[in-house]
Amino acid sequence: MRIDSDIKLDFQDVLIRPKRSTITSRKDVDLTRVFKFKYAEGNWTGIPIVSANMDTVTNSLVARIMAYNGMLSTMPKEKEHEASVLKNCATTLGLDSNFCPSTRFICIDVANGYIEKFTDYIKQVRKRQSEKIIIAGNVVTPEMTEALILAGADIVKVGLGSGSACSTRMKTGVGYPQLSAVIECADAAHGLGGHIISDGGCVTPADVVKAFGAGADFVMLGGMLAGHSENGSEFYGMSSRKANEKYHGGLAGYKAAEGLELKLPARGPIQDTLDDIKGGLRSACAYVGARSIKELPKCTTFVRVNRILNSSLHEYKQ
């Protein structure tokens, strides 16, 4: 047993310090990025926001709206064949998947990215699909980020227990504060020519900004994109009892359910939320003098705080 006494931070532990800026209008901020990957052929250009591979978040309609906005989506494992006809949509594979997807993006997704079998499987997929953009996760430490990239991943998905429908931390006590995980894993990935996705922990557009400011190349959203007209009010984690009953015939006796089942209030069209996120990103860039989303980490200085909001009148919010 050992204790790491270094302070680790979540998104709610910090604010971003404003800086002198020459940007005269938020509309001048460029949210698109051009990515070149370590292994995959060609480039990808777009706004690096990704809808999570949860069946109560990403469906064909949501994927089309994400693509319309120049963003990415990841189709749940259970709907992998739908991804092949959609633009900017990743097919999700588990360790038991044995087919070769036709999509350009492949998301290899497991709850525990630390098992040796996972690293071996990434090597196999890279060997079979050398031209594809491979996303793999989830992990939260720089050492494992490096291991997945060296195994063949172009993009490592970072986050453990930080999702709004995830109960892993309550059931297992395992996890890592998301802001620190992003900072440490991004540094490791970029040193090898790889990229990371910050997956989980975002509650507001400000959290998306903080993830990018911390060095995330992409930000994946689940709860923030759930509960809209296009995907309904039902929201549950993919390790929940309901998801296991729906797709695996029930929860195996040796497992604990590590996902919550929630009923969300109606949030209206998902486009409104995407516009709100994009607006927040542009405004943040203007506050710190970043002319593009790629410049945001270089312009970001985090300030540790004990409160980020004055919520004294929030009970009167309409």
C-alpha atoms as a PDB file:
ATOM      1  CA  MET A   1       0.000   0.000   0.000  1.00  0.00           C
ATOM      2  CA  ARG A   2       1.188   3.536  -0.770  1.00  0.00           C
ATOM      3  CA  ILE A   3      -0.324   7.028  -0.730  1.00  0.00           C
ATOM      4  CA  ASP A   4       0.207   9.575  -3.507  1.00  0.00           C
ATOM      5  CA  SER A   5      -0.136  12.837  -1.593  1.00  0.00           C
ATOM      6  CA  ASP A   6       0.109  15.145  -4.620  1.00  0.00           C
ATOM      7  CA  ILE A   7      -3.021  17.262  -5.071  1.00  0.00           C
ATOM      8  CA  LYS A   8      -5.235  16.105  -7.944  1.00  0.00           C
ATOM      9  CA  LEU A   9      -7.968  18.332  -9.357  1.00  0.00           C
ATOM     10  CA  ASP A  10     -11.386  18.097 -10.985  1.00  0.00           C
ATOM     11  CA  PHE A  11     -12.997  20.675 -13.271  1.00  0.00           C
ATOM     12  CA  GLN A  12     -14.887  22.261 -10.363  1.00  0.00           C
ATOM     13  CA  ASP A  13     -11.632  22.922  -8.500  1.00  0.00           C
ATOM     14  CA  VAL A  14     -10.356  25.557 -10.932  1.00  0.00           C
ATOM     15  CA  LEU A  15     -11.135  28.633 -12.982  1.00  0.00           C
ATOM     16  CA  ILE A  16      -9.209  29.984 -15.968  1.00  0.00           C
ATOM     17  CA  ARG A  17      -7.415  33.290 -15.498  1.00  0.00           C
ATOM     18  CA  PRO A  18      -8.226  35.884 -18.193  1.00  0.00           C
ATOM     19  CA  LYS A  19      -5.397  37.460 -20.168  1.00  0.00           C
ATOM     20  CA  ARG A  20      -4.874  40.469 -22.363  1.00  0.00           C
ATOM     21  CA  SER A  21      -6.384  39.651 -25.752  1.00  0.00           C
ATOM     22  CA  THR A  22      -6.232  41.117 -29.254  1.00  0.00           C
ATOM     23  CA  ILE A  23      -9.387  39.267 -30.327  1.00  0.00           C
ATOM     24  CA  THR A  24     -12.093  41.810 -31.144  1.00  0.00           C
ATOM     25  CA  SER A  25     -14.980  39.383 -31.778  1.00  0.00           C
ATOM     26  CA  ARG A  26     -15.800  35.850 -30.671  1.00  0.00           C
ATOM     27  CA  LYS A  27     -16.767  35.002 -34.239  1.00  0.00           C
ATOM     28  CA  ASP A  28     -13.070  35.259 -35.165  1.00  0.00           C
ATOM     29  CA  VAL A  29     -12.224  32.217 -33.026  1.00  0.00           C
ATOM     30  CA  ASP A  30     -11.722  29.027 -35.056  1.00  0.00           C
ATOM     31  CA  LEU A  31     -13.089  25.919 -33.333  1.00  0.00           C
ATOM     32  CA  THR A  32     -11.992  23.495 -36.046  1.00  0.00           C
ATOM     33  CA  ARG A  33      -8.753  21.554 -35.871  1.00  0.00           C
ATOM     34  CA  VAL A  34      -6.790  19.563 -38.410  1.00  0.00           C
ATOM     35  CA  PHE A  35      -5.476  16.321 -36.942  1.00  0.00           C
ATOM     36  CA  LYS A  36      -2.712  14.101 -38.241  1.00  0.00           C
ATOM     37  CA  PHE A  37      -2.523  10.790 -36.437  1.00  0.00           C
ATOM     38  CA  LYS A  38       0.361   8.608 -35.327  1.00  0.00           C
ATOM     39  CA  TYR A  39      -0.716   5.524 -37.244  1.00  0.00           C
ATOM     40  CA  ALA A  40      -3.812   6.183 -39.357  1.00  0.00           C
ATOM     41  CA  GLU A  41      -3.597   7.471 -42.890  1.00  0.00           C
ATOM     42  CA  GLY A  42      -4.712  10.990 -43.835  1.00  0.00           C
ATOM     43  CA  ASN A  43      -5.995  13.887 -41.762  1.00  0.00           C
ATOM     44  CA  TRP A  44      -9.283  14.678 -40.057  1.00  0.00           C
ATOM     45  CA  THR A  45     -10.688  18.202 -39.836  1.00  0.00           C
ATOM     46  CA  GLY A  46     -13.547  19.223 -37.564  1.00  0.00           C
ATOM     47  CA  ILE A  47     -14.666  20.474 -34.171  1.00  0.00           C
ATOM     48  CA  PRO A  48     -13.246  17.890 -31.729  1.00  0.00           C
ATOM     49  CA  ILE A  49     -16.366  17.255 -29.660  1.00  0.00           C
ATOM     50  CA  VAL A  50     -17.618  13.659 -29.538  1.00  0.00           C
ATOM     51  CA  SER A  51     -20.942  12.140 -28.478  1.00  0.00           C
ATOM     52  CA  ALA A  52     -20.492   9.168 -26.148  1.00  0.00           C
ATOM     53  CA  ASN A  53     -21.069   5.574 -27.232  1.00  0.00           C
ATOM     54  CA  MET A  54     -24.094   5.186 -24.953  1.00  0.00           C
ATOM     55  CA  ASP A  55     -27.393   4.048 -26.432  1.00  0.00           C
ATOM     56  CA  THR A  56     -29.347   6.760 -24.586  1.00  0.00           C
ATOM     57  CA  VAL A  57     -27.022   9.405 -26.044  1.00  0.00           C
ATOM     58  CA  THR A  58     -25.934   8.503 -29.577  1.00  0.00           C
ATOM     59  CA  ASN A  59     -28.357   7.223 -32.182  1.00  0.00           C
ATOM     60  CA  SER A  60     -28.492   7.748 -35.945  1.00  0.00           C
ATOM     61  CA  LEU A  61     -30.272  11.107 -35.646  1.00  0.00           C
ATOM     62  CA  VAL A  62     -27.840  12.456 -33.041  1.00  0.00           C
ATOM     63  CA  ALA A  63     -24.910  11.222 -35.155  1.00  0.00           C
ATOM     64  CA  ARG A  64     -26.223  13.133 -38.171  1.00  0.00           C
ATOM     65  CA  ILE A  65     -26.591  16.324 -36.125  1.00  0.00           C
ATOM     66  CA  MET A  66     -23.066  15.935 -34.749  1.00  0.00           C
ATOM     67  CA  ALA A  67     -21.727  15.487 -38.289  1.00  0.00           C
ATOM     68  CA  TYR A  68     -23.696  18.537 -39.468  1.00  0.00           C
ATOM     69  CA  ASN A  69     -21.821  20.526 -36.806  1.00  0.00           C
ATOM     70  CA  GLY A  70     -18.475  19.108 -37.921  1.00  0.00           C
ATOM     71  CA  MET A  71     -18.246  16.933 -34.795  1.00  0.00           C
ATOM     72  CA  LEU A  72     -17.756  13.221 -34.156  1.00  0.00           C
ATOM     73  CA  SER A  73     -20.026  10.548 -32.715  1.00  0.00           C
ATOM     74  CA  THR A  74     -19.407   7.042 -31.410  1.00  0.00           C
ATOM     75  CA  MET A  75     -22.148   4.508 -31.985  1.00  0.00           C
ATOM     76  CA  PRO A  76     -22.775   2.024 -29.120  1.00  0.00           C
ATOM     77  CA  LYS A  77     -21.472  -1.520 -29.559  1.00  0.00           C
ATOM     78  CA  GLU A  78     -25.007  -2.805 -29.845  1.00  0.00           C
ATOM     79  CA  LYS A  79     -25.637  -0.588 -32.898  1.00  0.00           C
ATOM     80  CA  GLU A  80     -22.298  -0.990 -34.630  1.00  0.00           C
ATOM     81  CA  HIS A  81     -23.764  -1.679 -38.070  1.00  0.00           C
ATOM     82  CA  GLU A  82     -25.585   1.678 -38.116  1.00  0.00           C
ATOM     83  CA  ALA A  83     -22.268   3.520 -37.944  1.00  0.00           C
ATOM     84  CA  SER A  84     -21.176   2.339 -41.389  1.00  0.00           C
ATOM     85  CA  VAL A  85     -23.669   4.591 -43.194  1.00  0.00           C
ATOM     86  CA  LEU A  86     -23.030   7.706 -41.091  1.00  0.00           C
ATOM     87  CA  LYS A  87     -20.453  10.452 -41.568  1.00  0.00           C
ATOM     88  CA  ASN A  88     -17.882  11.142 -38.822  1.00  0.00           C
ATOM     89  CA  CYS A  89     -19.166   8.205 -36.794  1.00  0.00           C
ATOM     90  CA  ALA A  90     -17.024   5.602 -35.035  1.00  0.00           C
ATOM     91  CA  THR A  91     -17.848   1.930 -34.717  1.00  0.00           C
ATOM     92  CA  THR A  92     -17.436   0.699 -31.132  1.00  0.00           C
ATOM     93  CA  LEU A  93     -15.753  -2.658 -30.535  1.00  0.00           C
ATOM     94  CA  GLY A  94     -15.452  -4.711 -27.369  1.00  0.00           C
ATOM     95  CA  LEU A  95     -12.940  -7.438 -26.653  1.00  0.00           C
ATOM     96  CA  ASP A  96     -15.362 -10.007 -28.035  1.00  0.00           C
ATOM     97  CA  SER A  97     -15.805  -8.267 -31.402  1.00  0.00           C
ATOM     98  CA  ASN A  98     -14.368 -10.119 -34.377  1.00  0.00           C
ATOM     99  CA  PHE A  99     -15.549  -8.278 -37.482  1.00  0.00           C
ATOM    100  CA  CYS A 100     -13.828  -5.619 -39.549  1.00  0.00           C
ATOM    101  CA  PRO A 101     -15.814  -2.347 -39.477  1.00  0.00           C
ATOM    102  CA  SER A 102     -16.032  -0.178 -42.580  1.00  0.00           C
ATOM    103  CA  THR A 103     -15.970   3.127 -40.690  1.00  0.00           C
ATOM    104  CA  ARG A 104     -12.847   5.289 -40.645  1.00  0.00           C
ATOM    105  CA  PHE A 105     -12.953   5.585 -36.837  1.00  0.00           C
ATOM    106  CA  ILE A 106     -12.878   2.550 -34.530  1.00  0.00           C
ATOM    107  CA  CYS A 107     -13.537   2.974 -30.808  1.00  0.00           C
ATOM    108  CA  ILE A 108     -12.247   0.033 -28.764  1.00  0.00           C
ATOM    109  CA  ASP A 109     -14.084   0.468 -25.491  1.00  0.00           C
ATOM    110  CA  VAL A 110     -13.757  -1.446 -22.235  1.00  0.00           C
ATOM    111  CA  ALA A 111     -14.581  -0.496 -18.657  1.00  0.00           C
ATOM    112  CA  ASN A 112     -11.079  -1.399 -17.448  1.00  0.00           C
ATOM    113  CA  GLY A 113      -8.328  -0.363 -19.839  1.00  0.00           C
ATOM    114  CA  TYR A 114      -5.644  -1.777 -17.550  1.00  0.00           C
ATOM    115  CA  ILE A 115      -6.103  -5.448 -18.374  1.00  0.00           C
ATOM    116  CA  GLU A 116      -3.348  -6.987 -20.516  1.00  0.00           C
ATOM    117  CA  LYS A 117      -5.870  -8.538 -22.897  1.00  0.00           C
ATOM    118  CA  PHE A 118      -6.998  -5.038 -23.892  1.00  0.00           C
ATOM    119  CA  THR A 119      -3.518  -3.962 -24.986  1.00  0.00           C
ATOM    120  CA  ASP A 120      -3.104  -7.193 -26.948  1.00  0.00           C
ATOM    121  CA  TYR A 121      -6.439  -6.651 -28.685  1.00  0.00           C
ATOM    122  CA  ILE A 122      -5.432  -3.135 -29.777  1.00  0.00           C
ATOM    123  CA  LYS A 123      -2.311  -4.615 -31.379  1.00  0.00           C
ATOM    124  CA  GLN A 124      -4.461  -7.123 -33.281  1.00  0.00           C
ATOM    125  CA  VAL A 125      -6.880  -4.460 -34.527  1.00  0.00           C
ATOM    126  CA  ARG A 126      -4.011  -2.192 -35.603  1.00  0.00           C
ATOM    127  CA  LYS A 127      -2.454  -5.063 -37.541  1.00  0.00           C
ATOM    128  CA  ARG A 128      -5.765  -5.853 -39.274  1.00  0.00           C
ATOM    129  CA  GLN A 129      -6.887  -2.260 -39.764  1.00  0.00           C
ATOM    130  CA  SER A 130      -3.648  -0.352 -40.314  1.00  0.00           C
ATOM    131  CA  GLU A 131      -5.325   2.587 -42.075  1.00  0.00           C
ATOM    132  CA  LYS A 132      -8.056   3.214 -39.457  1.00  0.00           C
ATOM    133  CA  ILE A 133      -8.145   5.859 -36.713  1.00  0.00           C
ATOM    134  CA  ILE A 134      -8.223   3.813 -33.503  1.00  0.00           C
ATOM    135  CA  ILE A 135      -9.665   5.240 -30.282  1.00  0.00           C
ATOM    136  CA  ALA A 136      -9.011   3.112 -27.190  1.00  0.00           C
ATOM    137  CA  GLY A 137      -9.859   3.411 -23.504  1.00  0.00           C
ATOM    138  CA  ASN A 138     -10.540   4.055 -20.775  1.00  0.00           C
ATOM    139  CA  VAL A 139      -7.464   4.833 -18.677  1.00  0.00           C
ATOM    140  CA  VAL A 140      -6.423   7.724 -16.404  1.00  0.00           C
ATOM    141  CA  THR A 141      -2.657   7.441 -15.950  1.00  0.00           C
ATOM    142  CA  PRO A 142       0.210   8.520 -18.208  1.00  0.00           C
ATOM    143  CA  GLU A 143       1.949   5.144 -18.110  1.00  0.00           C
ATOM    144  CA  MET A 144      -1.090   3.334 -19.486  1.00  0.00           C
ATOM    145  CA  THR A 145      -1.750   6.100 -21.991  1.00  0.00           C
ATOM    146  CA  GLU A 146       1.719   5.492 -23.388  1.00  0.00           C
ATOM    147  CA  ALA A 147       1.173   1.726 -23.419  1.00  0.00           C
ATOM    148  CA  LEU A 148      -2.048   2.024 -25.460  1.00  0.00           C
ATOM    149  CA  ILE A 149      -0.440   4.378 -27.967  1.00  0.00           C
ATOM    150  CA  LEU A 150       2.560   2.076 -28.390  1.00  0.00           C
ATOM    151  CA  ALA A 151       0.103  -0.802 -28.884  1.00  0.00           C
ATOM    152  CA  GLY A 152      -1.481   1.008 -31.840  1.00  0.00           C
ATOM    153  CA  ALA A 153      -4.031   3.522 -30.565  1.00  0.00           C
ATOM    154  CA  ASP A 154      -4.127   6.923 -32.267  1.00  0.00           C
ATOM    155  CA  ILE A 155      -6.352   8.416 -29.576  1.00  0.00           C
ATOM    156  CA  VAL A 156      -6.616   7.320 -25.935  1.00  0.00           C
ATOM    157  CA  LYS A 157      -9.888   7.808 -24.073  1.00  0.00           C
ATOM    158  CA  VAL A 158      -9.221   9.242 -20.599  1.00  0.00           C
ATOM    159  CA  GLY A 159     -11.682   9.023 -17.721  1.00  0.00           C
ATOM    160  CA  LEU A 160     -12.579   6.576 -14.959  1.00  0.00           C
ATOM    161  CA  GLY A 161     -15.655   7.034 -12.801  1.00  0.00           C
ATOM    162  CA  SER A 162     -16.158  10.662 -13.838  1.00  0.00           C
ATOM    163  CA  GLY A 163     -19.306  10.165 -15.938  1.00  0.00           C
ATOM    164  CA  SER A 164     -22.653  11.396 -14.618  1.00  0.00           C
ATOM    165  CA  ALA A 165     -24.229   7.941 -15.028  1.00  0.00           C
ATOM    166  CA  CYS A 166     -21.219   6.044 -13.701  1.00  0.00           C
ATOM    167  CA  SER A 167     -21.103   4.553 -10.205  1.00  0.00           C
ATOM    168  CA  THR A 168     -17.664   2.899 -10.451  1.00  0.00           C
ATOM    169  CA  ARG A 169     -16.191   5.159  -7.784  1.00  0.00           C
ATOM    170  CA  MET A 170     -19.055   4.340  -5.403  1.00  0.00           C
ATOM    171  CA  LYS A 171     -18.788   0.592  -6.009  1.00  0.00           C
ATOM    172  CA  THR A 172     -15.011   0.173  -6.272  1.00  0.00           C
ATOM    173  CA  GLY A 173     -13.303   3.250  -4.845  1.00  0.00           C
ATOM    174  CA  VAL A 174     -11.226   3.414  -8.037  1.00  0.00           C
ATOM    175  CA  GLY A 175     -10.846   6.590 -10.081  1.00  0.00           C
ATOM    176  CA  TYR A 176      -8.852   9.749 -10.721  1.00  0.00           C
ATOM    177  CA  PRO A 177      -9.857  13.433 -10.727  1.00  0.00           C
ATOM    178  CA  GLN A 178     -10.583  14.276 -14.347  1.00  0.00           C
ATOM    179  CA  LEU A 179      -8.686  17.549 -14.793  1.00  0.00           C
ATOM    180  CA  SER A 180      -5.452  16.061 -13.464  1.00  0.00           C
ATOM    181  CA  ALA A 181      -5.984  12.903 -15.505  1.00  0.00           C
ATOM    182  CA  VAL A 182      -6.321  14.981 -18.679  1.00  0.00           C
ATOM    183  CA  ILE A 183      -3.234  17.091 -17.912  1.00  0.00           C
ATOM    184  CA  GLU A 184      -1.039  14.082 -17.144  1.00  0.00           C
ATOM    185  CA  CYS A 185      -2.307  11.803 -19.925  1.00  0.00           C
ATOM    186  CA  ALA A 186      -2.198  14.549 -22.565  1.00  0.00           C
ATOM    187  CA  ASP A 187       1.437  15.211 -21.742  1.00  0.00           C
ATOM    188  CA  ALA A 188       2.248  11.523 -22.096  1.00  0.00           C
ATOM    189  CA  ALA A 189       0.305  11.103 -25.339  1.00  0.00           C
ATOM    190  CA  HIS A 190       1.687  14.192 -27.036  1.00  0.00           C
ATOM    191  CA  GLY A 191       5.226  13.098 -26.254  1.00  0.00           C
ATOM    192  CA  LEU A 192       4.619  10.014 -28.415  1.00  0.00           C
ATOM    193  CA  GLY A 193       2.708  11.781 -31.184  1.00  0.00           C
ATOM    194  CA  GLY A 194      -0.649  10.505 -29.926  1.00  0.00           C
ATOM    195  CA  HIS A 195      -3.873  12.221 -28.840  1.00  0.00           C
ATOM    196  CA  ILE A 196      -6.409  11.914 -26.030  1.00  0.00           C
ATOM    197  CA  ILE A 197     -10.148  12.271 -25.540  1.00  0.00           C
ATOM    198  CA  SER A 198     -11.347  13.613 -22.200  1.00  0.00           C
ATOM    199  CA  ASP A 199     -14.304  11.334 -21.436  1.00  0.00           C
ATOM    200  CA  GLY A 200     -16.589  12.265 -18.549  1.00  0.00           C
ATOM    201  CA  GLY A 201     -16.847  14.939 -15.904  1.00  0.00           C
ATOM    202  CA  CYS A 202     -18.276  17.739 -18.048  1.00  0.00           C
ATOM    203  CA  VAL A 203     -21.433  19.290 -16.609  1.00  0.00           C
ATOM    204  CA  THR A 204     -21.340  22.734 -18.230  1.00  0.00           C
ATOM    205  CA  PRO A 205     -19.741  24.332 -21.313  1.00  0.00           C
ATOM    206  CA  ALA A 206     -17.095  25.709 -18.926  1.00  0.00           C
ATOM    207  CA  ASP A 207     -15.984  22.141 -18.171  1.00  0.00           C
ATOM    208  CA  VAL A 208     -15.557  21.470 -21.889  1.00  0.00           C
ATOM    209  CA  VAL A 209     -13.360  24.581 -22.072  1.00  0.00           C
ATOM    210  CA  LYS A 210     -11.312  23.410 -19.086  1.00  0.00           C
ATOM    211  CA  ALA A 211     -10.785  19.983 -20.672  1.00  0.00           C
ATOM    212  CA  PHE A 212      -9.434  21.557 -23.848  1.00  0.00           C
ATOM    213  CA  GLY A 213      -7.370  24.026 -21.803  1.00  0.00           C
ATOM    214  CA  ALA A 214      -5.849  21.094 -19.908  1.00  0.00           C
ATOM    215  CA  GLY A 215      -4.594  19.584 -23.151  1.00  0.00           C
ATOM    216  CA  ALA A 216      -7.395  17.309 -24.340  1.00  0.00           C
ATOM    217  CA  ASP A 217      -7.478  16.976 -28.122  1.00  0.00           C
ATOM    218  CA  PHE A 218     -11.109  15.815 -28.107  1.00  0.00           C
ATOM    219  CA  VAL A 219     -13.874  16.012 -25.488  1.00  0.00           C
ATOM    220  CA  MET A 220     -16.491  13.259 -25.250  1.00  0.00           C
ATOM    221  CA  LEU A 221     -19.906  14.116 -23.812  1.00  0.00           C
ATOM    222  CA  GLY A 222     -22.556  11.779 -22.435  1.00  0.00           C
ATOM    223  CA  GLY A 223     -24.826  13.357 -19.832  1.00  0.00           C
ATOM    224  CA  MET A 224     -24.548  16.808 -21.385  1.00  0.00           C
ATOM    225  CA  LEU A 225     -26.005  15.455 -24.637  1.00  0.00           C
ATOM    226  CA  ALA A 226     -28.628  13.172 -23.058  1.00  0.00           C
ATOM    227  CA  GLY A 227     -32.252  14.073 -22.386  1.00  0.00           C
ATOM    228  CA  HIS A 228     -32.888  15.931 -25.635  1.00  0.00           C
ATOM    229  CA  SER A 229     -35.699  15.706 -28.152  1.00  0.00           C
ATOM    230  CA  GLU A 230     -33.571  13.433 -30.352  1.00  0.00           C
ATOM    231  CA  ASN A 231     -32.666  10.821 -27.725  1.00  0.00           C
ATOM    232  CA  GLY A 232     -35.326  11.005 -24.980  1.00  0.00           C
ATOM    233  CA  SER A 233     -35.355  11.424 -21.208  1.00  0.00           C
ATOM    234  CA  GLU A 234     -34.072   7.951 -20.288  1.00  0.00           C
ATOM    235  CA  PHE A 235     -30.362   7.908 -19.422  1.00  0.00           C
ATOM    236  CA  TYR A 236     -28.334   5.070 -17.981  1.00  0.00           C
ATOM    237  CA  GLY A 237     -24.743   3.949 -17.826  1.00  0.00           C
ATOM    238  CA  MET A 238     -23.681   1.109 -20.098  1.00  0.00           C
ATOM    239  CA  SER A 239     -22.580  -0.879 -17.025  1.00  0.00           C
ATOM    240  CA  SER A 240     -25.917  -0.373 -15.292  1.00  0.00           C
ATOM    241  CA  ARG A 241     -28.266  -3.217 -14.428  1.00  0.00           C
ATOM    242  CA  LYS A 242     -30.689  -2.020 -17.115  1.00  0.00           C
ATOM    243  CA  ALA A 243     -28.041  -2.047 -19.862  1.00  0.00           C
ATOM    244  CA  ASN A 244     -26.928  -5.528 -18.810  1.00  0.00           C
ATOM    245  CA  GLU A 245     -30.486  -6.797 -18.870  1.00  0.00           C
ATOM    246  CA  LYS A 246     -31.130  -5.179 -22.258  1.00  0.00           C
ATOM    247  CA  TYR A 247     -28.034  -6.452 -24.053  1.00  0.00           C
ATOM    248  CA  HIS A 248     -26.583  -9.344 -22.043  1.00  0.00           C
ATOM    249  CA  GLY A 249     -29.604 -11.144 -20.618  1.00  0.00           C
ATOM    250  CA  GLY A 250     -29.062  -9.793 -17.119  1.00  0.00           C
ATOM    251  CA  LEU A 251     -26.296  -8.866 -14.713  1.00  0.00           C
ATOM    252  CA  ALA A 252     -23.846 -11.733 -14.213  1.00  0.00           C
ATOM    253  CA  GLY A 253     -23.690 -13.012 -10.638  1.00  0.00           C
ATOM    254  CA  TYR A 254     -20.022 -12.113 -10.251  1.00  0.00           C
ATOM    255  CA  LYS A 255     -20.589  -8.462 -11.247  1.00  0.00           C
ATOM    256  CA  ALA A 256     -21.842  -5.316  -9.559  1.00  0.00           C
ATOM    257  CA  ALA A 257     -23.817  -2.773 -11.561  1.00  0.00           C
ATOM    258  CA  GLU A 258     -21.522   0.217 -12.079  1.00  0.00           C
ATOM    259  CA  GLY A 259     -23.973   2.534 -13.803  1.00  0.00           C
ATOM    260  CA  LEU A 260     -26.933   4.655 -12.732  1.00  0.00           C
ATOM    261  CA  GLU A 261     -30.429   4.730 -14.239  1.00  0.00           C
ATOM    262  CA  LEU A 262     -31.823   8.248 -14.527  1.00  0.00           C
ATOM    263  CA  LYS A 263     -34.878  10.104 -15.817  1.00  0.00           C
ATOM    264  CA  LEU A 264     -33.867  13.501 -17.163  1.00  0.00           C
ATOM    265  CA  PRO A 265     -36.006  16.612 -17.657  1.00  0.00           C
ATOM    266  CA  ALA A 266     -36.745  17.580 -21.243  1.00  0.00           C
ATOM    267  CA  ARG A 267     -33.904  19.691 -22.601  1.00  0.00           C
ATOM    268  CA  GLY A 268     -35.260  20.528 -26.046  1.00  0.00           C
ATOM    269  CA  PRO A 269     -33.276  20.195 -29.297  1.00  0.00           C
ATOM    270  CA  ILE A 270     -29.710  18.969 -29.000  1.00  0.00           C
ATOM    271  CA  GLN A 271     -28.605  21.682 -31.434  1.00  0.00           C
ATOM    272  CA  ASP A 272     -29.302  24.304 -28.750  1.00  0.00           C
ATOM    273  CA  THR A 273     -26.884  22.571 -26.392  1.00  0.00           C
ATOM    274  CA  LEU A 274     -24.229  22.235 -29.080  1.00  0.00           C
ATOM    275  CA  ASP A 275     -24.572  25.936 -29.893  1.00  0.00           C
ATOM    276  CA  ASP A 276     -24.216  26.766 -26.191  1.00  0.00           C
ATOM    277  CA  ILE A 277     -21.014  24.718 -25.977  1.00  0.00           C
ATOM    278  CA  LYS A 278     -19.565  26.307 -29.107  1.00  0.00           C
ATOM    279  CA  GLY A 279     -20.461  29.770 -27.840  1.00  0.00           C
ATOM    280  CA  GLY A 280     -18.771  29.084 -24.506  1.00  0.00           C
ATOM    281  CA  LEU A 281     -15.634  27.868 -26.251  1.00  0.00           C
ATOM    282  CA  ARG A 282     -15.422  30.943 -28.469  1.00  0.00           C
ATOM    283  CA  SER A 283     -15.954  33.275 -25.527  1.00  0.00           C
ATOM    284  CA  ALA A 284     -13.320  31.511 -23.428  1.00  0.00           C
ATOM    285  CA  CYS A 285     -10.797  31.745 -26.249  1.00  0.00           C
ATOM    286  CA  ALA A 286     -11.502  35.482 -26.527  1.00  0.00           C
ATOM    287  CA  TYR A 287     -10.936  35.905 -22.770  1.00  0.00           C
ATOM    288  CA  VAL A 288      -7.451  34.334 -22.911  1.00  0.00           C
ATOM    289  CA  GLY A 289      -6.312  35.462 -26.372  1.00  0.00           C
ATOM    290  CA  ALA A 290      -6.531  32.103 -28.157  1.00  0.00           C
ATOM    291  CA  ARG A 291      -7.476  32.494 -31.821  1.00  0.00           C
ATOM    292  CA  SER A 292      -8.216  28.807 -32.225  1.00  0.00           C
ATOM    293  CA  ILE A 293      -9.130  25.853 -30.063  1.00  0.00           C
ATOM    294  CA  LYS A 294      -5.662  24.444 -30.746  1.00  0.00           C
ATOM    295  CA  GLU A 295      -4.082  27.498 -29.088  1.00  0.00           C
ATOM    296  CA  LEU A 296      -6.227  27.219 -25.954  1.00  0.00           C
ATOM    297  CA  PRO A 297      -3.834  25.059 -23.857  1.00  0.00           C
ATOM    298  CA  LYS A 298      -0.954  27.455 -24.497  1.00  0.00           C
ATOM    299  CA  CYS A 299      -3.103  30.369 -23.313  1.00  0.00           C
ATOM    300  CA  THR A 300      -4.620  28.649 -20.268  1.00  0.00           C
ATOM    301  CA  THR A 301      -3.573  29.316 -16.693  1.00  0.00           C
ATOM    302  CA  PHE A 302      -5.702  27.518 -14.104  1.00  0.00           C
ATOM    303  CA  VAL A 303      -6.410  29.089 -10.727  1.00  0.00           C
ATOM    304  CA  ARG A 304      -7.367  26.831  -7.826  1.00  0.00           C
ATOM    305  CA  VAL A 305     -10.557  28.025  -6.144  1.00  0.00           C
ATOM    306  CA  ASN A 306     -12.931  26.945  -3.379  1.00  0.00           C
ATOM    307  CA  ARG A 307     -16.034  28.144  -5.247  1.00  0.00           C
ATOM    308  CA  ILE A 308     -16.692  28.702  -8.945  1.00  0.00           C
ATOM    309  CA  LEU A 309     -20.216  30.115  -8.857  1.00  0.00           C
ATOM    310  CA  ASN A 310     -22.396  32.553  -6.948  1.00  0.00           C
ATOM    311  CA  SER A 311     -25.502  30.397  -6.789  1.00  0.00           C
ATOM    312  CA  SER A 312     -27.418  32.447  -4.213  1.00  0.00           C
ATOM    313  CA  LEU A 313     -30.330  33.140  -6.604  1.00  0.00           C
ATOM    314  CA  HIS A 314     -30.239  29.939  -8.682  1.00  0.00           C
ATOM    315  CA  GLU A 315     -33.410  28.669  -6.973  1.00  0.00           C
ATOM    316  CA  TYR A 316     -35.291  31.368  -8.896  1.00  0.00           C
ATOM    317  CA  LYS A 317     -33.955  30.259 -12.286  1.00  0.00           C
ATOM    318  CA  GLN A 318     -36.674  29.989 -14.952  1.00  0.00           C
END
